[in-house]
Amino acid sequence: MLSSIFHRLNGEDFDARYEARMDLQDLVSQATAPGNEEQQPVIENQLLEKLPAEPLLQTKLWIIRQLETIGSEQSLPALERLLKSESVELAYAAQMAIDRIKPTPAKKRKSPPRSALVKSVTQSDNRSTKTEAFRMLAEQSPRKAAKLMVRQPEIDFLPIALKSGNKVLIRPAIELLDTGSVEQQIVILGALPNDLGADSEGIILELLKSENETLAAQAAETLGRVGSSASLERLAQLVAGKSRALRDAASEAVAQIEDSKIDEILFDRLQSGTIEEKETALSLLALRASDGVSEVVNKLAASEEEPSKLREAAIESLEMVGNVESLSILVDIVVDGNDKGLRRDAQKNLKRLTLLLSDHEAAWRAFESGFEKAEGKDELLALLIVSDSAPTPQMIEYLELVWNERDADLRKMVMRVLPGWRNWDAGYALLKIAEAEEAYRGECFAGIGKLILGSDANFSMQGKFELSQAALKLAQSPEEKEAVLTGFRYATWREANYVFSNEVLPELREAVLKYRNN
């Protein structure tokens, strides 16, 4: 594993070097995880062996950084030798690692006299010196520090005051929320303690009205930490607003506020509010994902007695709060098809929800029930178009049965969904069709190429090459082979590394390296 990583670390491909660094970091993280104590000295020894021999400075620095995490006293001699290195970067990195492995006890610094601190706070031109002096003064004399902050409310002083835990410092800092500059207000909002009173929440709610979008967004974000049910109405308005930044900040705040009264208010509106109020309550409950929300949303989505508008909102909410039971509800809506708008919403959210749940067997059970309920071709086609939501062997078998019915519309749909499948099973289904039916060979090989091209990190790399080689062996014409090979036209270092490390067909190896180099 390490030899492969170091081979890539020293390569000329920048992306490959970056990925190799991440792989090395992951390897060290795994070795230092609880229960993996036996791996730590093994990895440490391998890193120490590689360190002196590595030609690249960046590689050496990255090894030293990993030794900071995994190193023991065994690493100290090698690191101490690097302290004499002509490279300042190497010497500095080695010292950092030594300090981490064998920290020297910090000496408690004696705080300067108050008069000296006051002078530094009021007269120093150096920002760091002034801030450090204020921090010391806040510990030594909170009242004096508070008075200076009121007269001279530097941006860097405010977080120190707010995080001090001392009301003498916190109170005047919070008062600047009402009177300070926009920059000061933003800094204060970001550093506010969580245990604020209702008065402070009211000031923050006023800041939501600011024409400065950054300030308003920071105010909304802060309410997620310090807000209560009193913030609900104003945040709900922002969630429904036009500004994406404010929508995102307000949505996050609604999700985070720890006040059960909000859930009570929203559940009450679902029972007795207007259609518009119920829609809003649904969207906000979906953000909070509180106990019982999934069941309520499932019930609304399934109920044919509810207005379409409300069912549409419920279906949309299932993407965030749906569960396994939601899958059957969405499938039934697709099969029902009386409301074409609801069918489209159900199809869209069925695909999204199955990606989130990743329970393919549950998805197949929902589809299997739906196929049994489908009374006509229209209902069947409506389900087949999203059949990749349940990418199981059972679904592939079902698609093969559908194919064998020899219906032109159904066959067209099968050829449409297989190239966009979520695993390699679809590729072998296409090969099976190509072997059996001459008329569809071109379309099948093109579909395999699309499947390869559209695959991501969730697909097995080994599976990609196994399918490709099976397809190339079955191909009977240059066009069929080219359809498969062009699936690699966005080949990365991962594919290139695979063909270097494994036996593959020469034409496949050549194509991968050609596309990678281009």
Foldseek 3Di string as FASTA:
>chain_A
DVVVLVVQCPDPDPVSVVVSLVVLLVVLVVCPDPPNVVCLVVNLVVLLVVQVVDPDPVVNLSSLVSCLRRNEVVCLVVLVVQCPPPDPSSNVSSVSSCCSRPNDDDDDDDQDDLVVLVCCLPPPPDPVSNLVSLLSCCVVPVLVSQVVCLVPVDLSNLLSLQPVPDCSSNVVLLVCCQPPDLSSVLSNLVRHDQADDPVSLVSLLVQCPDPPLSSNLSSLLSCLRRNELVNPVSLLDQCPDDDPSSVVSSLSSLQRRPYCVNVVVLVVCCVDNDLVSVLSSLVSCLSNLDPPSQVVLLVLLQDPVDDPSNNLSSLVSCLRNHDLVSLLSLLVQLLVCPDVVSNVSSLVSLLSNLVVHVPLVSNVVSVVVSVVVRDDPNSVLSCLLSLLSNQDPVSLVVLVVQVVVVDPVSVVSLLVCLLVHQECPSLVSLVVVVVVDVVCVLSSLLSLLSNLLPHDPVYDPVSLQVSLQVQCVVDDDPSSNVSNLCSLLVPEVVNLVDVVVDPHDPVSNVSNVVSHVD
